[in-house]
Amino acid sequence: MILCEFSDKETFLYSLRLKAVFNTVNCFWTNYIWR
């Protein structure tokens, strides 16, 4: 796991939120397509 440096905590939290949303959508579409 690679930890990245962020200038402020908001940018870091936004990045985590964006990553979480992407993973959720990716998981949903994968399950939907291969059901």
N, C-alpha and C. Protein backbone atom coordinates (compact mmCIF):
# COMPACT_ATOMS: atom_id res chain seq x y z
N MET A 1 0.84 -1.20 0.00
CA MET A 1 0.00 0.00 0.00
C MET A 1 0.88 1.24 0.00
N ILE A 2 0.63 2.12 -0.95
CA ILE A 2 1.44 3.33 -1.06
C ILE A 2 0.69 4.52 -0.48
N LEU A 3 1.33 5.21 0.45
CA LEU A 3 0.72 6.41 1.04
C LEU A 3 1.22 7.63 0.29
N CYS A 4 0.29 8.47 -0.12
CA CYS A 4 0.67 9.67 -0.88
C CYS A 4 0.63 10.90 0.02
N GLU A 5 1.46 11.86 -0.31
CA GLU A 5 1.49 13.10 0.47
C GLU A 5 0.48 14.08 -0.11
N PHE A 6 -0.29 14.70 0.77
CA PHE A 6 -1.27 15.69 0.32
C PHE A 6 -1.01 17.00 1.05
N SER A 7 -1.26 18.09 0.36
CA SER A 7 -0.99 19.41 0.94
C SER A 7 -1.94 19.71 2.09
N ASP A 8 -3.14 19.14 2.03
CA ASP A 8 -4.10 19.38 3.11
C ASP A 8 -5.02 18.18 3.27
N LYS A 9 -5.67 18.10 4.40
CA LYS A 9 -6.49 16.92 4.71
C LYS A 9 -7.71 16.83 3.80
N GLU A 10 -8.24 17.98 3.38
CA GLU A 10 -9.44 17.94 2.51
C GLU A 10 -9.15 17.24 1.20
N THR A 11 -8.00 17.52 0.62
CA THR A 11 -7.63 16.87 -0.64
C THR A 11 -7.52 15.36 -0.43
N PHE A 12 -6.95 14.98 0.71
CA PHE A 12 -6.78 13.56 1.02
C PHE A 12 -8.13 12.88 1.18
N LEU A 13 -9.03 13.51 1.94
CA LEU A 13 -10.36 12.92 2.15
C LEU A 13 -11.14 12.85 0.84
N TYR A 14 -10.99 13.88 0.00
CA TYR A 14 -11.69 13.89 -1.28
C TYR A 14 -11.18 12.75 -2.15
N SER A 15 -9.87 12.50 -2.11
CA SER A 15 -9.28 11.42 -2.90
C SER A 15 -9.82 10.07 -2.43
N LEU A 16 -9.90 9.89 -1.11
CA LEU A 16 -10.42 8.62 -0.57
C LEU A 16 -11.87 8.42 -0.97
N ARG A 17 -12.65 9.51 -0.90
CA ARG A 17 -14.07 9.42 -1.25
C ARG A 17 -14.22 9.06 -2.73
N LEU A 18 -13.42 9.70 -3.57
CA LEU A 18 -13.49 9.45 -5.00
C LEU A 18 -13.11 7.99 -5.30
N LYS A 19 -12.09 7.50 -4.61
CA LYS A 19 -11.64 6.13 -4.81
C LYS A 19 -12.71 5.14 -4.35
N ALA A 20 -13.36 5.45 -3.24
CA ALA A 20 -14.41 4.58 -2.71
C ALA A 20 -15.58 4.51 -3.67
N VAL A 21 -15.97 5.66 -4.23
CA VAL A 21 -17.08 5.70 -5.18
C VAL A 21 -16.73 4.89 -6.43
N PHE A 22 -15.50 5.07 -6.93
CA PHE A 22 -15.07 4.35 -8.12
C PHE A 22 -15.09 2.84 -7.88
N ASN A 23 -14.58 2.41 -6.72
CA ASN A 23 -14.56 0.98 -6.41
C ASN A 23 -15.97 0.42 -6.30
N THR A 24 -16.88 1.19 -5.73
CA THR A 24 -18.26 0.74 -5.58
C THR A 24 -18.92 0.56 -6.93
N VAL A 25 -18.75 1.56 -7.80
CA VAL A 25 -19.34 1.50 -9.14
C VAL A 25 -18.72 0.36 -9.94
N ASN A 26 -17.41 0.21 -9.84
CA ASN A 26 -16.72 -0.85 -10.56
C ASN A 26 -17.21 -2.23 -10.11
N CYS A 27 -17.37 -2.39 -8.80
CA CYS A 27 -17.85 -3.67 -8.25
C CYS A 27 -19.27 -3.93 -8.71
N PHE A 28 -20.11 -2.90 -8.68
CA PHE A 28 -21.51 -3.05 -9.09
C PHE A 28 -21.60 -3.49 -10.55
N TRP A 29 -20.86 -2.80 -11.45
CA TRP A 29 -20.94 -3.14 -12.87
C TRP A 29 -20.37 -4.52 -13.14
N THR A 30 -19.29 -4.88 -12.42
CA THR A 30 -18.70 -6.20 -12.62
C THR A 30 -19.70 -7.28 -12.25
N ASN A 31 -20.37 -7.12 -11.11
CA ASN A 31 -21.36 -8.11 -10.67
C ASN A 31 -22.56 -8.12 -11.61
N TYR A 32 -22.95 -6.96 -12.11
CA TYR A 32 -24.11 -6.87 -12.98
C TYR A 32 -23.84 -7.54 -14.32
N ILE A 33 -22.65 -7.30 -14.87
CA ILE A 33 -22.32 -7.85 -16.19
C ILE A 33 -22.12 -9.37 -16.11
N TRP A 34 -21.48 -9.84 -15.05
CA TRP A 34 -21.14 -11.26 -14.97
C TRP A 34 -22.13 -12.07 -14.15
N ARG A 35 -23.30 -11.51 -13.90
CA ARG A 35 -24.27 -12.24 -13.09
C ARG A 35 -24.71 -13.52 -13.79
